[in-house]
Structures are given as structure tokens and as C-alpha cells.
């Protein structure tokens, strides 16, 4: 079985079980990366994983914030034209390649 398939199943299952995702924020600022056609949004399946990632960055003040699934899939996040989220990085680990979904792909996977 392909490692990406295993990672995908683990990520989707974990996020569905907890009912949301974790993002990094510094105050009102969302941590995101530039991506083709918009922004790449890293999300994690736990606060602990997000904290470990944040500790490896040279930015201060980042902390994990829980986003409930209904908000994340709705107009406030993935459906927002103002946020322009093109890609979602699933539980990235610093220095490693992460599983990447387009916003539409992840919405479809989490709605099943």
C-alpha cells in the first residue's frame, strides 16, 4: 500500500473523529504559505503536532487554534474567496514533504 494512501487515511480519519483541524495563528494573523493561485494552508490533526512544527520556525507568537469542521469546510475558511486558499498541507512536519490537497479535494474527502 502506498505511503500517501496510508497518510491520507490517517489524516482524514483523525480530523473527522475530532471534528476539526488545527491551524497556526499569531494573534489575528493566520500562518500560511504562498502557493500557485493563492495560499497554502498548513493544518494539523492535533495541537501537539502544530506546536512541534511552530517550534521549528523562526517566528514568535505562533500558537495552535482549533477550527471546527463546519467552519473549516464553510465560507469562513475553505470556501472563502478573501482567504484564497488554493492548497491545504496535511499535518506537515518541518523538513519533510507533506501530503497536499487542493481546497476542493479536501472538502470532498472530509464530506464523505
PDB file of N, CA and C in Angstrom:
ATOM      1  N   UNK A   1       0.852  -1.181   0.000  1.00  0.00           N
ATOM      2  CA  UNK A   1       0.000   0.000   0.000  1.00  0.00           C
ATOM      3  C   UNK A   1       0.896   1.242   0.000  1.00  0.00           C
ATOM      4  N   UNK A   2       0.513   2.221  -0.761  1.00  0.00           N
ATOM      5  CA  UNK A   2       1.249   3.463  -0.914  1.00  0.00           C
ATOM      6  C   UNK A   2       1.241   4.268   0.397  1.00  0.00           C
ATOM      7  N   UNK A   3       2.397   4.855   0.721  1.00  0.00           N
ATOM      8  CA  UNK A   3       2.519   5.655   1.948  1.00  0.00           C
ATOM      9  C   UNK A   3       1.550   6.831   1.938  1.00  0.00           C
ATOM     10  N   UNK A   4       1.359   7.461   0.772  1.00  0.00           N
ATOM     11  CA  UNK A   4       0.423   8.591   0.692  1.00  0.00           C
ATOM     12  C   UNK A   4      -0.999   8.160   1.035  1.00  0.00           C
ATOM     13  N   UNK A   5      -1.389   6.970   0.614  1.00  0.00           N
ATOM     14  CA  UNK A   5      -2.736   6.473   0.909  1.00  0.00           C
ATOM     15  C   UNK A   5      -2.896   6.265   2.408  1.00  0.00           C
ATOM     16  N   UNK A   6      -1.880   5.699   3.041  1.00  0.00           N
ATOM     17  CA  UNK A   6      -1.916   5.491   4.492  1.00  0.00           C
ATOM     18  C   UNK A   6      -1.990   6.826   5.214  1.00  0.00           C
ATOM     19  N   UNK A   7      -1.115   7.774   4.817  1.00  0.00           N
ATOM     20  CA  UNK A   7      -1.124   9.103   5.434  1.00  0.00           C
ATOM     21  C   UNK A   7      -2.472   9.790   5.248  1.00  0.00           C
ATOM     22  N   UNK A   8      -3.041   9.654   4.054  1.00  0.00           N
ATOM     23  CA  UNK A   8      -4.341  10.254   3.762  1.00  0.00           C
ATOM     24  C   UNK A   8      -5.407   9.680   4.688  1.00  0.00           C
ATOM     25  N   UNK A   9      -5.463   8.372   4.796  1.00  0.00           N
ATOM     26  CA  UNK A   9      -6.471   7.732   5.647  1.00  0.00           C
ATOM     27  C   UNK A   9      -6.316   8.157   7.106  1.00  0.00           C
ATOM     28  N   UNK A  10      -5.086   8.170   7.589  1.00  0.00           N
ATOM     29  CA  UNK A  10      -4.847   8.558   8.981  1.00  0.00           C
ATOM     30  C   UNK A  10      -5.263  10.001   9.227  1.00  0.00           C
ATOM     31  N   UNK A  11      -4.899  10.893   8.324  1.00  0.00           N
ATOM     32  CA  UNK A  11      -5.235  12.304   8.483  1.00  0.00           C
ATOM     33  C   UNK A  11      -6.752  12.517   8.442  1.00  0.00           C
ATOM     34  N   UNK A  12      -7.397  11.986   7.422  1.00  0.00           N
ATOM     35  CA  UNK A  12      -8.841  12.176   7.265  1.00  0.00           C
ATOM     36  C   UNK A  12      -9.589  11.586   8.456  1.00  0.00           C
ATOM     37  N   UNK A  13      -9.233  10.379   8.864  1.00  0.00           N
ATOM     38  CA  UNK A  13      -9.899   9.728   9.996  1.00  0.00           C
ATOM     39  C   UNK A  13      -9.732  10.541  11.272  1.00  0.00           C
ATOM     40  N   UNK A  14      -8.515  10.991  11.534  1.00  0.00           N
ATOM     41  CA  UNK A  14      -8.232  11.756  12.750  1.00  0.00           C
ATOM     42  C   UNK A  14      -9.024  13.069  12.778  1.00  0.00           C
ATOM     43  N   UNK A  15      -9.029  13.770  11.670  1.00  0.00           N
ATOM     44  CA  UNK A  15      -9.738  15.053  11.593  1.00  0.00           C
ATOM     45  C   UNK A  15     -11.240  14.845  11.752  1.00  0.00           C
ATOM     46  N   UNK A  16     -11.773  13.811  11.113  1.00  0.00           N
ATOM     47  CA  UNK A  16     -13.206  13.539  11.235  1.00  0.00           C
ATOM     48  C   UNK A  16     -13.574  13.154  12.669  1.00  0.00           C
ATOM     49  N   UNK A  17     -12.733  12.349  13.321  1.00  0.00           N
ATOM     50  CA  UNK A  17     -13.017  11.931  14.696  1.00  0.00           C
ATOM     51  C   UNK A  17     -13.018  13.100  15.671  1.00  0.00           C
ATOM     52  N   UNK A  18     -12.093  14.042  15.494  1.00  0.00           N
ATOM     53  CA  UNK A  18     -12.040  15.164  16.423  1.00  0.00           C
ATOM     54  C   UNK A  18     -12.947  16.314  16.013  1.00  0.00           C
ATOM     55  N   UNK A  19     -13.467  16.265  14.789  1.00  0.00           N
ATOM     56  CA  UNK A  19     -14.436  17.269  14.361  1.00  0.00           C
ATOM     57  C   UNK A  19     -13.849  18.596  13.946  1.00  0.00           C
ATOM     58  N   UNK A  20     -12.580  18.595  13.511  1.00  0.00           N
ATOM     59  CA  UNK A  20     -11.973  19.842  13.054  1.00  0.00           C
ATOM     60  C   UNK A  20     -10.484  19.703  12.847  1.00  0.00           C
ATOM     61  N   UNK A  21      -9.838  20.827  12.563  1.00  0.00           N
ATOM     62  CA  UNK A  21      -8.393  20.871  12.315  1.00  0.00           C
ATOM     63  C   UNK A  21      -7.756  21.949  13.190  1.00  0.00           C
ATOM     64  N   UNK A  22      -6.453  21.900  13.280  1.00  0.00           N
ATOM     65  CA  UNK A  22      -5.669  22.906  13.997  1.00  0.00           C
ATOM     66  C   UNK A  22      -4.867  23.710  12.997  1.00  0.00           C
ATOM     67  N   UNK A  23      -4.879  25.025  13.155  1.00  0.00           N
ATOM     68  CA  UNK A  23      -4.082  25.939  12.337  1.00  0.00           C
ATOM     69  C   UNK A  23      -3.163  26.721  13.266  1.00  0.00           C
ATOM     70  N   UNK A  24      -2.170  27.375  12.697  1.00  0.00           N
ATOM     71  CA  UNK A  24      -1.291  28.234  13.494  1.00  0.00           C
ATOM     72  C   UNK A  24      -1.659  29.692  13.271  1.00  0.00           C
ATOM     73  N   UNK A  25      -1.736  30.420  14.372  1.00  0.00           N
ATOM     74  CA  UNK A  25      -2.030  31.843  14.300  1.00  0.00           C
ATOM     75  C   UNK A  25      -1.116  32.610  15.251  1.00  0.00           C
ATOM     76  N   UNK A  26      -0.833  33.848  14.878  1.00  0.00           N
ATOM     77  CA  UNK A  26      -0.131  34.788  15.751  1.00  0.00           C
ATOM     78  C   UNK A  26      -1.080  35.966  15.905  1.00  0.00           C
ATOM     79  N   UNK A  27      -1.792  35.983  17.017  1.00  0.00           N
ATOM     80  CA  UNK A  27      -2.835  36.999  17.198  1.00  0.00           C
ATOM     81  C   UNK A  27      -3.939  36.756  16.189  1.00  0.00           C
ATOM     82  N   UNK A  28      -4.199  37.752  15.340  1.00  0.00           N
ATOM     83  CA  UNK A  28      -5.223  37.634  14.291  1.00  0.00           C
ATOM     84  C   UNK A  28      -4.642  37.189  12.952  1.00  0.00           C
ATOM     85  N   UNK A  29      -3.329  36.932  12.905  1.00  0.00           N
ATOM     86  CA  UNK A  29      -2.669  36.572  11.650  1.00  0.00           C
ATOM     87  C   UNK A  29      -2.572  35.062  11.496  1.00  0.00           C
ATOM     88  N   UNK A  30      -3.036  34.573  10.376  1.00  0.00           N
ATOM     89  CA  UNK A  30      -3.007  33.152  10.053  1.00  0.00           C
ATOM     90  C   UNK A  30      -1.679  32.807   9.407  1.00  0.00           C
ATOM     91  N   UNK A  31      -1.064  31.707   9.846  1.00  0.00           N
ATOM     92  CA  UNK A  31       0.174  31.243   9.225  1.00  0.00           C
ATOM     93  C   UNK A  31      -0.187  30.480   7.949  1.00  0.00           C
ATOM     94  N   UNK A  32       0.287  30.968   6.801  1.00  0.00           N
ATOM     95  CA  UNK A  32       0.048  30.328   5.510  1.00  0.00           C
ATOM     96  C   UNK A  32       1.259  30.574   4.620  1.00  0.00           C
ATOM     97  N   UNK A  33       1.373  29.776   3.575  1.00  0.00           N
ATOM     98  CA  UNK A  33       2.486  29.872   2.639  1.00  0.00           C
ATOM     99  C   UNK A  33       1.956  30.267   1.269  1.00  0.00           C
ATOM    100  N   UNK A  34       2.758  31.021   0.531  1.00  0.00           N
ATOM    101  CA  UNK A  34       2.337  31.371  -0.820  1.00  0.00           C
ATOM    102  C   UNK A  34       2.299  30.116  -1.667  1.00  0.00           C
ATOM    103  N   UNK A  35       1.249  29.985  -2.465  1.00  0.00           N
ATOM    104  CA  UNK A  35       1.090  28.853  -3.370  1.00  0.00           C
ATOM    105  C   UNK A  35       0.584  29.382  -4.704  1.00  0.00           C
ATOM    106  N   UNK A  36       0.721  28.582  -5.723  1.00  0.00           N
ATOM    107  CA  UNK A  36       0.228  28.978  -7.032  1.00  0.00           C
ATOM    108  C   UNK A  36      -1.289  29.168  -6.971  1.00  0.00           C
ATOM    109  N   UNK A  37      -1.738  30.339  -7.309  1.00  0.00           N
ATOM    110  CA  UNK A  37      -3.171  30.620  -7.326  1.00  0.00           C
ATOM    111  C   UNK A  37      -3.758  31.017  -5.991  1.00  0.00           C
ATOM    112  N   UNK A  38      -2.939  31.271  -4.987  1.00  0.00           N
ATOM    113  CA  UNK A  38      -3.463  31.672  -3.678  1.00  0.00           C
ATOM    114  C   UNK A  38      -2.511  31.311  -2.563  1.00  0.00           C
ATOM    115  N   UNK A  39      -3.055  30.722  -1.503  1.00  0.00           N
ATOM    116  CA  UNK A  39      -2.266  30.390  -0.316  1.00  0.00           C
ATOM    117  C   UNK A  39      -2.292  28.899  -0.035  1.00  0.00           C
ATOM    118  N   UNK A  40      -1.203  28.413   0.522  1.00  0.00           N
ATOM    119  CA  UNK A  40      -1.133  27.046   1.016  1.00  0.00           C
ATOM    120  C   UNK A  40      -1.344  27.093   2.522  1.00  0.00           C
ATOM    121  N   UNK A  41      -2.361  26.414   3.006  1.00  0.00           N
ATOM    122  CA  UNK A  41      -2.707  26.457   4.423  1.00  0.00           C
ATOM    123  C   UNK A  41      -2.293  25.157   5.106  1.00  0.00           C
ATOM    124  N   UNK A  42      -1.298  25.220   5.993  1.00  0.00           N
ATOM    125  CA  UNK A  42      -0.966  24.027   6.772  1.00  0.00           C
ATOM    126  C   UNK A  42      -2.008  23.804   7.860  1.00  0.00           C
ATOM    127  N   UNK A  43      -2.485  22.575   7.987  1.00  0.00           N
ATOM    128  CA  UNK A  43      -3.422  22.209   9.045  1.00  0.00           C
ATOM    129  C   UNK A  43      -2.929  20.916   9.685  1.00  0.00           C
ATOM    130  N   UNK A  44      -3.267  20.738  10.946  1.00  0.00           N
ATOM    131  CA  UNK A  44      -2.810  19.565  11.685  1.00  0.00           C
ATOM    132  C   UNK A  44      -3.993  18.858  12.319  1.00  0.00           C
ATOM    133  N   UNK A  45      -3.766  17.583  12.619  1.00  0.00           N
ATOM    134  CA  UNK A  45      -4.799  16.770  13.253  1.00  0.00           C
ATOM    135  C   UNK A  45      -4.727  16.852  14.770  1.00  0.00           C
ATOM    136  N   UNK A  46      -3.732  17.566  15.305  1.00  0.00           N
ATOM    137  CA  UNK A  46      -3.653  17.753  16.759  1.00  0.00           C
ATOM    138  C   UNK A  46      -2.895  19.041  17.073  1.00  0.00           C
ATOM    139  N   UNK A  47      -3.169  19.585  18.242  1.00  0.00           N
ATOM    140  CA  UNK A  47      -2.466  20.787  18.694  1.00  0.00           C
ATOM    141  C   UNK A  47      -0.987  20.488  18.890  1.00  0.00           C
ATOM    142  N   UNK A  48      -0.673  19.289  19.381  1.00  0.00           N
ATOM    143  CA  UNK A  48       0.710  18.914  19.646  1.00  0.00           C
ATOM    144  C   UNK A  48       1.544  18.921  18.372  1.00  0.00           C
ATOM    145  N   UNK A  49       0.999  18.378  17.281  1.00  0.00           N
ATOM    146  CA  UNK A  49       1.731  18.361  16.008  1.00  0.00           C
ATOM    147  C   UNK A  49       1.952  19.779  15.495  1.00  0.00           C
ATOM    148  N   UNK A  50       0.956  20.630  15.643  1.00  0.00           N
ATOM    149  CA  UNK A  50       1.091  22.023  15.219  1.00  0.00           C
ATOM    150  C   UNK A  50       2.139  22.746  16.056  1.00  0.00           C
ATOM    151  N   UNK A  51       2.179  22.474  17.358  1.00  0.00           N
ATOM    152  CA  UNK A  51       3.164  23.100  18.246  1.00  0.00           C
ATOM    153  C   UNK A  51       4.581  22.688  17.876  1.00  0.00           C
ATOM    154  N   UNK A  52       4.794  21.419  17.578  1.00  0.00           N
ATOM    155  CA  UNK A  52       6.127  20.933  17.192  1.00  0.00           C
ATOM    156  C   UNK A  52       6.581  21.645  15.924  1.00  0.00           C
ATOM    157  N   UNK A  53       5.675  21.794  14.954  1.00  0.00           N
ATOM    158  CA  UNK A  53       6.004  22.496  13.722  1.00  0.00           C
ATOM    159  C   UNK A  53       6.374  23.950  14.018  1.00  0.00           C
ATOM    160  N   UNK A  54       5.565  24.615  14.834  1.00  0.00           N
ATOM    161  CA  UNK A  54       5.795  26.027  15.162  1.00  0.00           C
ATOM    162  C   UNK A  54       7.132  26.235  15.863  1.00  0.00           C
ATOM    163  N   UNK A  55       7.529  25.293  16.708  1.00  0.00           N
ATOM    164  CA  UNK A  55       8.791  25.406  17.427  1.00  0.00           C
ATOM    165  C   UNK A  55       9.988  25.422  16.487  1.00  0.00           C
ATOM    166  N   UNK A  56       9.850  24.824  15.308  1.00  0.00           N
ATOM    167  CA  UNK A  56      10.950  24.771  14.349  1.00  0.00           C
ATOM    168  C   UNK A  56      11.021  25.984  13.428  1.00  0.00           C
ATOM    169  N   UNK A  57      10.068  26.873  13.523  1.00  0.00           N
ATOM    170  CA  UNK A  57      10.058  28.086  12.704  1.00  0.00           C
ATOM    171  C   UNK A  57      10.764  29.212  13.449  1.00  0.00           C
ATOM    172  N   UNK A  58      11.246  30.168  12.705  1.00  0.00           N
ATOM    173  CA  UNK A  58      11.894  31.328  13.318  1.00  0.00           C
ATOM    174  C   UNK A  58      10.905  32.465  13.526  1.00  0.00           C
ATOM    175  N   UNK A  59       9.676  32.125  13.879  1.00  0.00           N
ATOM    176  CA  UNK A  59       8.645  33.128  14.141  1.00  0.00           C
ATOM    177  C   UNK A  59       8.179  32.969  15.575  1.00  0.00           C
ATOM    178  N   UNK A  60       7.963  34.076  16.222  1.00  0.00           N
ATOM    179  CA  UNK A  60       7.472  34.020  17.593  1.00  0.00           C
ATOM    180  C   UNK A  60       5.968  34.292  17.618  1.00  0.00           C
ATOM    181  N   UNK A  61       5.334  33.816  18.654  1.00  0.00           N
ATOM    182  CA  UNK A  61       3.925  34.109  18.862  1.00  0.00           C
ATOM    183  C   UNK A  61       2.941  33.197  18.160  1.00  0.00           C
ATOM    184  N   UNK A  62       3.422  32.191  17.446  1.00  0.00           N
ATOM    185  CA  UNK A  62       2.501  31.268  16.783  1.00  0.00           C
ATOM    186  C   UNK A  62       1.938  30.281  17.787  1.00  0.00           C
ATOM    187  N   UNK A  63       0.640  30.086  17.732  1.00  0.00           N
ATOM    188  CA  UNK A  63       0.025  29.092  18.614  1.00  0.00           C
ATOM    189  C   UNK A  63      -1.082  28.373  17.851  1.00  0.00           C
ATOM    190  N   UNK A  64      -1.328  27.096  18.201  1.00  0.00           N
ATOM    191  CA  UNK A  64      -2.373  26.333  17.532  1.00  0.00           C
ATOM    192  C   UNK A  64      -3.769  26.804  17.933  1.00  0.00           C
ATOM    193  N   UNK A  65      -4.646  26.856  16.953  1.00  0.00           N
ATOM    194  CA  UNK A  65      -6.037  27.248  17.170  1.00  0.00           C
ATOM    195  C   UNK A  65      -6.916  26.198  16.492  1.00  0.00           C
ATOM    196  N   UNK A  66      -7.904  25.695  17.243  1.00  0.00           N
ATOM    197  CA  UNK A  66      -8.812  24.692  16.708  1.00  0.00           C
ATOM    198  C   UNK A  66      -9.892  25.344  15.863  1.00  0.00           C
ATOM    199  N   UNK A  67     -10.138  24.759  14.678  1.00  0.00           N
ATOM    200  CA  UNK A  67     -11.201  25.229  13.791  1.00  0.00           C
ATOM    201  C   UNK A  67     -12.184  24.072  13.605  1.00  0.00           C
ATOM    202  N   UNK A  68     -13.416  24.221  14.095  1.00  0.00           N
ATOM    203  CA  UNK A  68     -14.408  23.155  13.927  1.00  0.00           C
ATOM    204  C   UNK A  68     -14.663  22.846  12.449  1.00  0.00           C
ATOM    205  N   UNK A  69     -14.968  21.596  12.168  1.00  0.00           N
ATOM    206  CA  UNK A  69     -15.143  21.134  10.790  1.00  0.00           C
ATOM    207  C   UNK A  69     -16.155  21.967  10.010  1.00  0.00           C
ATOM    208  N   UNK A  70     -17.297  22.289  10.612  1.00  0.00           N
ATOM    209  CA  UNK A  70     -18.316  23.053   9.889  1.00  0.00           C
ATOM    210  C   UNK A  70     -17.787  24.428   9.470  1.00  0.00           C
ATOM    211  N   UNK A  71     -17.003  25.061  10.316  1.00  0.00           N
ATOM    212  CA  UNK A  71     -16.401  26.351   9.963  1.00  0.00           C
ATOM    213  C   UNK A  71     -15.316  26.173   8.903  1.00  0.00           C
ATOM    214  N   UNK A  72     -14.478  25.153   9.078  1.00  0.00           N
ATOM    215  CA  UNK A  72     -13.359  24.935   8.166  1.00  0.00           C
ATOM    216  C   UNK A  72     -13.845  24.645   6.748  1.00  0.00           C
ATOM    217  N   UNK A  73     -14.877  23.841   6.609  1.00  0.00           N
ATOM    218  CA  UNK A  73     -15.390  23.484   5.283  1.00  0.00           C
ATOM    219  C   UNK A  73     -16.278  24.560   4.681  1.00  0.00           C
ATOM    220  N   UNK A  74     -16.744  25.495   5.500  1.00  0.00           N
ATOM    221  CA  UNK A  74     -17.685  26.505   5.042  1.00  0.00           C
ATOM    222  C   UNK A  74     -17.050  27.759   4.474  1.00  0.00           C
ATOM    223  N   UNK A  75     -17.873  28.785   4.372  1.00  0.00           N
ATOM    224  CA  UNK A  75     -17.489  30.040   3.746  1.00  0.00           C
ATOM    225  C   UNK A  75     -16.411  30.800   4.507  1.00  0.00           C
ATOM    226  N   UNK A  76     -16.229  30.499   5.796  1.00  0.00           N
ATOM    227  CA  UNK A  76     -15.240  31.227   6.590  1.00  0.00           C
ATOM    228  C   UNK A  76     -13.805  30.797   6.278  1.00  0.00           C
ATOM    229  N   UNK A  77     -13.613  29.559   5.789  1.00  0.00           N
ATOM    230  CA  UNK A  77     -12.252  29.059   5.548  1.00  0.00           C
ATOM    231  C   UNK A  77     -12.077  28.585   4.114  1.00  0.00           C
ATOM    232  N   UNK A  78     -12.287  27.308   3.860  1.00  0.00           N
ATOM    233  CA  UNK A  78     -12.025  26.773   2.520  1.00  0.00           C
ATOM    234  C   UNK A  78     -12.906  27.386   1.451  1.00  0.00           C
ATOM    235  N   UNK A  79     -14.083  27.806   1.811  1.00  0.00           N
ATOM    236  CA  UNK A  79     -14.989  28.417   0.850  1.00  0.00           C
ATOM    237  C   UNK A  79     -14.846  29.923   0.721  1.00  0.00           C
ATOM    238  N   UNK A  80     -13.888  30.498   1.421  1.00  0.00           N
ATOM    239  CA  UNK A  80     -13.723  31.951   1.433  1.00  0.00           C
ATOM    240  C   UNK A  80     -12.946  32.445   0.213  1.00  0.00           C
ATOM    241  N   UNK A  81     -13.528  33.388  -0.512  1.00  0.00           N
ATOM    242  CA  UNK A  81     -12.808  33.982  -1.646  1.00  0.00           C
ATOM    243  C   UNK A  81     -11.753  34.973  -1.149  1.00  0.00           C
ATOM    244  N   UNK A  82     -11.946  35.541   0.030  1.00  0.00           N
ATOM    245  CA  UNK A  82     -10.981  36.512   0.537  1.00  0.00           C
ATOM    246  C   UNK A  82      -9.699  35.837   1.059  1.00  0.00           C
ATOM    247  N   UNK A  83      -9.815  34.622   1.605  1.00  0.00           N
ATOM    248  CA  UNK A  83      -8.618  33.916   2.075  1.00  0.00           C
ATOM    249  C   UNK A  83      -7.800  33.323   0.932  1.00  0.00           C
ATOM    250  N   UNK A  84      -8.445  33.016  -0.163  1.00  0.00           N
ATOM    251  CA  UNK A  84      -7.789  32.463  -1.356  1.00  0.00           C
ATOM    252  C   UNK A  84      -6.932  31.238  -1.032  1.00  0.00           C
ATOM    253  N   UNK A  85      -7.510  30.266  -0.334  1.00  0.00           N
ATOM    254  CA  UNK A  85      -6.783  29.031  -0.017  1.00  0.00           C
ATOM    255  C   UNK A  85      -6.838  28.119  -1.235  1.00  0.00           C
ATOM    256  N   UNK A  86      -5.672  27.897  -1.839  1.00  0.00           N
ATOM    257  CA  UNK A  86      -5.588  27.039  -3.018  1.00  0.00           C
ATOM    258  C   UNK A  86      -5.250  25.606  -2.618  1.00  0.00           C
ATOM    259  N   UNK A  87      -4.309  25.466  -1.696  1.00  0.00           N
ATOM    260  CA  UNK A  87      -3.840  24.147  -1.261  1.00  0.00           C
ATOM    261  C   UNK A  87      -3.895  24.032   0.250  1.00  0.00           C
ATOM    262  N   UNK A  88      -4.043  22.805   0.717  1.00  0.00           N
ATOM    263  CA  UNK A  88      -4.019  22.517   2.147  1.00  0.00           C
ATOM    264  C   UNK A  88      -2.935  21.475   2.378  1.00  0.00           C
ATOM    265  N   UNK A  89      -1.999  21.792   3.282  1.00  0.00           N
ATOM    266  CA  UNK A  89      -0.920  20.875   3.638  1.00  0.00           C
ATOM    267  C   UNK A  89      -1.359  20.107   4.874  1.00  0.00           C
ATOM    268  N   UNK A  90      -1.461  18.786   4.749  1.00  0.00           N
ATOM    269  CA  UNK A  90      -1.990  17.951   5.817  1.00  0.00           C
ATOM    270  C   UNK A  90      -0.896  17.561   6.805  1.00  0.00           C
ATOM    271  N   UNK A  91      -1.025  18.053   8.031  1.00  0.00           N
ATOM    272  CA  UNK A  91      -0.094  17.750   9.131  1.00  0.00           C
ATOM    273  C   UNK A  91       1.372  17.777   8.709  1.00  0.00           C
ATOM    274  N   UNK A  92       1.819  18.921   8.146  1.00  0.00           N
ATOM    275  CA  UNK A  92       3.219  18.967   7.730  1.00  0.00           C
ATOM    276  C   UNK A  92       4.168  18.842   8.920  1.00  0.00           C
ATOM    277  N   UNK A  93       5.302  18.203   8.664  1.00  0.00           N
ATOM    278  CA  UNK A  93       6.382  18.102   9.640  1.00  0.00           C
ATOM    279  C   UNK A  93       7.542  18.903   9.082  1.00  0.00           C
ATOM    280  N   UNK A  94       8.167  19.690   9.919  1.00  0.00           N
ATOM    281  CA  UNK A  94       9.259  20.553   9.484  1.00  0.00           C
ATOM    282  C   UNK A  94      10.355  19.723   8.807  1.00  0.00           C
ATOM    283  N   UNK A  95      10.758  20.144   7.604  1.00  0.00           N
ATOM    284  CA  UNK A  95      11.831  19.482   6.886  1.00  0.00           C
ATOM    285  C   UNK A  95      11.415  18.253   6.101  1.00  0.00           C
ATOM    286  N   UNK A  96      10.116  17.937   6.087  1.00  0.00           N
ATOM    287  CA  UNK A  96       9.634  16.774   5.343  1.00  0.00           C
ATOM    288  C   UNK A  96       8.558  17.209   4.359  1.00  0.00           C
ATOM    289  N   UNK A  97       8.459  16.481   3.267  1.00  0.00           N
ATOM    290  CA  UNK A  97       7.414  16.760   2.293  1.00  0.00           C
ATOM    291  C   UNK A  97       6.072  16.347   2.890  1.00  0.00           C
ATOM    292  N   UNK A  98       5.064  17.165   2.673  1.00  0.00           N
ATOM    293  CA  UNK A  98       3.756  16.858   3.270  1.00  0.00           C
ATOM    294  C   UNK A  98       2.746  16.471   2.200  1.00  0.00           C
ATOM    295  N   UNK A  99       1.691  15.853   2.654  1.00  0.00           N
ATOM    296  CA  UNK A  99       0.567  15.493   1.803  1.00  0.00           C
ATOM    297  C   UNK A  99      -0.197  16.780   1.489  1.00  0.00           C
ATOM    298  N   UNK A 100      -0.430  17.040   0.209  1.00  0.00           N
ATOM    299  CA  UNK A 100      -1.078  18.290  -0.199  1.00  0.00           C
ATOM    300  C   UNK A 100      -2.376  17.979  -0.928  1.00  0.00           C
ATOM    301  N   UNK A 101      -3.428  18.685  -0.526  1.00  0.00           N
ATOM    302  CA  UNK A 101      -4.727  18.606  -1.186  1.00  0.00           C
ATOM    303  C   UNK A 101      -5.045  19.976  -1.770  1.00  0.00           C
ATOM    304  N   UNK A 102      -5.786  20.012  -2.867  1.00  0.00           N
ATOM    305  CA  UNK A 102      -6.385  21.287  -3.245  1.00  0.00           C
ATOM    306  C   UNK A 102      -7.529  21.500  -2.255  1.00  0.00           C
ATOM    307  N   UNK A 103      -7.975  22.720  -2.120  1.00  0.00           N
ATOM    308  CA  UNK A 103      -9.077  23.001  -1.195  1.00  0.00           C
ATOM    309  C   UNK A 103     -10.308  22.174  -1.568  1.00  0.00           C
ATOM    310  N   UNK A 104     -10.573  22.035  -2.865  1.00  0.00           N
ATOM    311  CA  UNK A 104     -11.736  21.262  -3.312  1.00  0.00           C
ATOM    312  C   UNK A 104     -11.585  19.780  -2.980  1.00  0.00           C
ATOM    313  N   UNK A 105     -10.385  19.229  -3.181  1.00  0.00           N
ATOM    314  CA  UNK A 105     -10.148  17.816  -2.862  1.00  0.00           C
ATOM    315  C   UNK A 105     -10.383  17.531  -1.385  1.00  0.00           C
ATOM    316  N   UNK A 106      -9.850  18.393  -0.536  1.00  0.00           N
ATOM    317  CA  UNK A 106     -10.002  18.153   0.900  1.00  0.00           C
ATOM    318  C   UNK A 106     -11.462  18.300   1.331  1.00  0.00           C
ATOM    319  N   UNK A 107     -12.150  19.272   0.799  1.00  0.00           N
ATOM    320  CA  UNK A 107     -13.577  19.413   1.126  1.00  0.00           C
ATOM    321  C   UNK A 107     -14.335  18.144   0.752  1.00  0.00           C
ATOM    322  N   UNK A 108     -14.045  17.591  -0.416  1.00  0.00           N
ATOM    323  CA  UNK A 108     -14.719  16.364  -0.868  1.00  0.00           C
ATOM    324  C   UNK A 108     -14.363  15.189   0.042  1.00  0.00           C
ATOM    325  N   UNK A 109     -13.094  15.056   0.424  1.00  0.00           N
ATOM    326  CA  UNK A 109     -12.654  13.940   1.279  1.00  0.00           C
ATOM    327  C   UNK A 109     -13.291  14.024   2.669  1.00  0.00           C
ATOM    328  N   UNK A 110     -13.400  15.226   3.211  1.00  0.00           N
ATOM    329  CA  UNK A 110     -13.937  15.378   4.559  1.00  0.00           C
ATOM    330  C   UNK A 110     -15.464  15.334   4.602  1.00  0.00           C
ATOM    331  N   UNK A 111     -16.095  15.534   3.487  1.00  0.00           N
ATOM    332  CA  UNK A 111     -17.551  15.475   3.436  1.00  0.00           C
ATOM    333  C   UNK A 111     -18.076  14.065   3.207  1.00  0.00           C
ATOM    334  N   UNK A 112     -17.183  13.088   3.079  1.00  0.00           N
ATOM    335  CA  UNK A 112     -17.632  11.706   2.832  1.00  0.00           C
ATOM    336  C   UNK A 112     -17.766  10.944   4.124  1.00  0.00           C
TER     337      UNK A 112
END
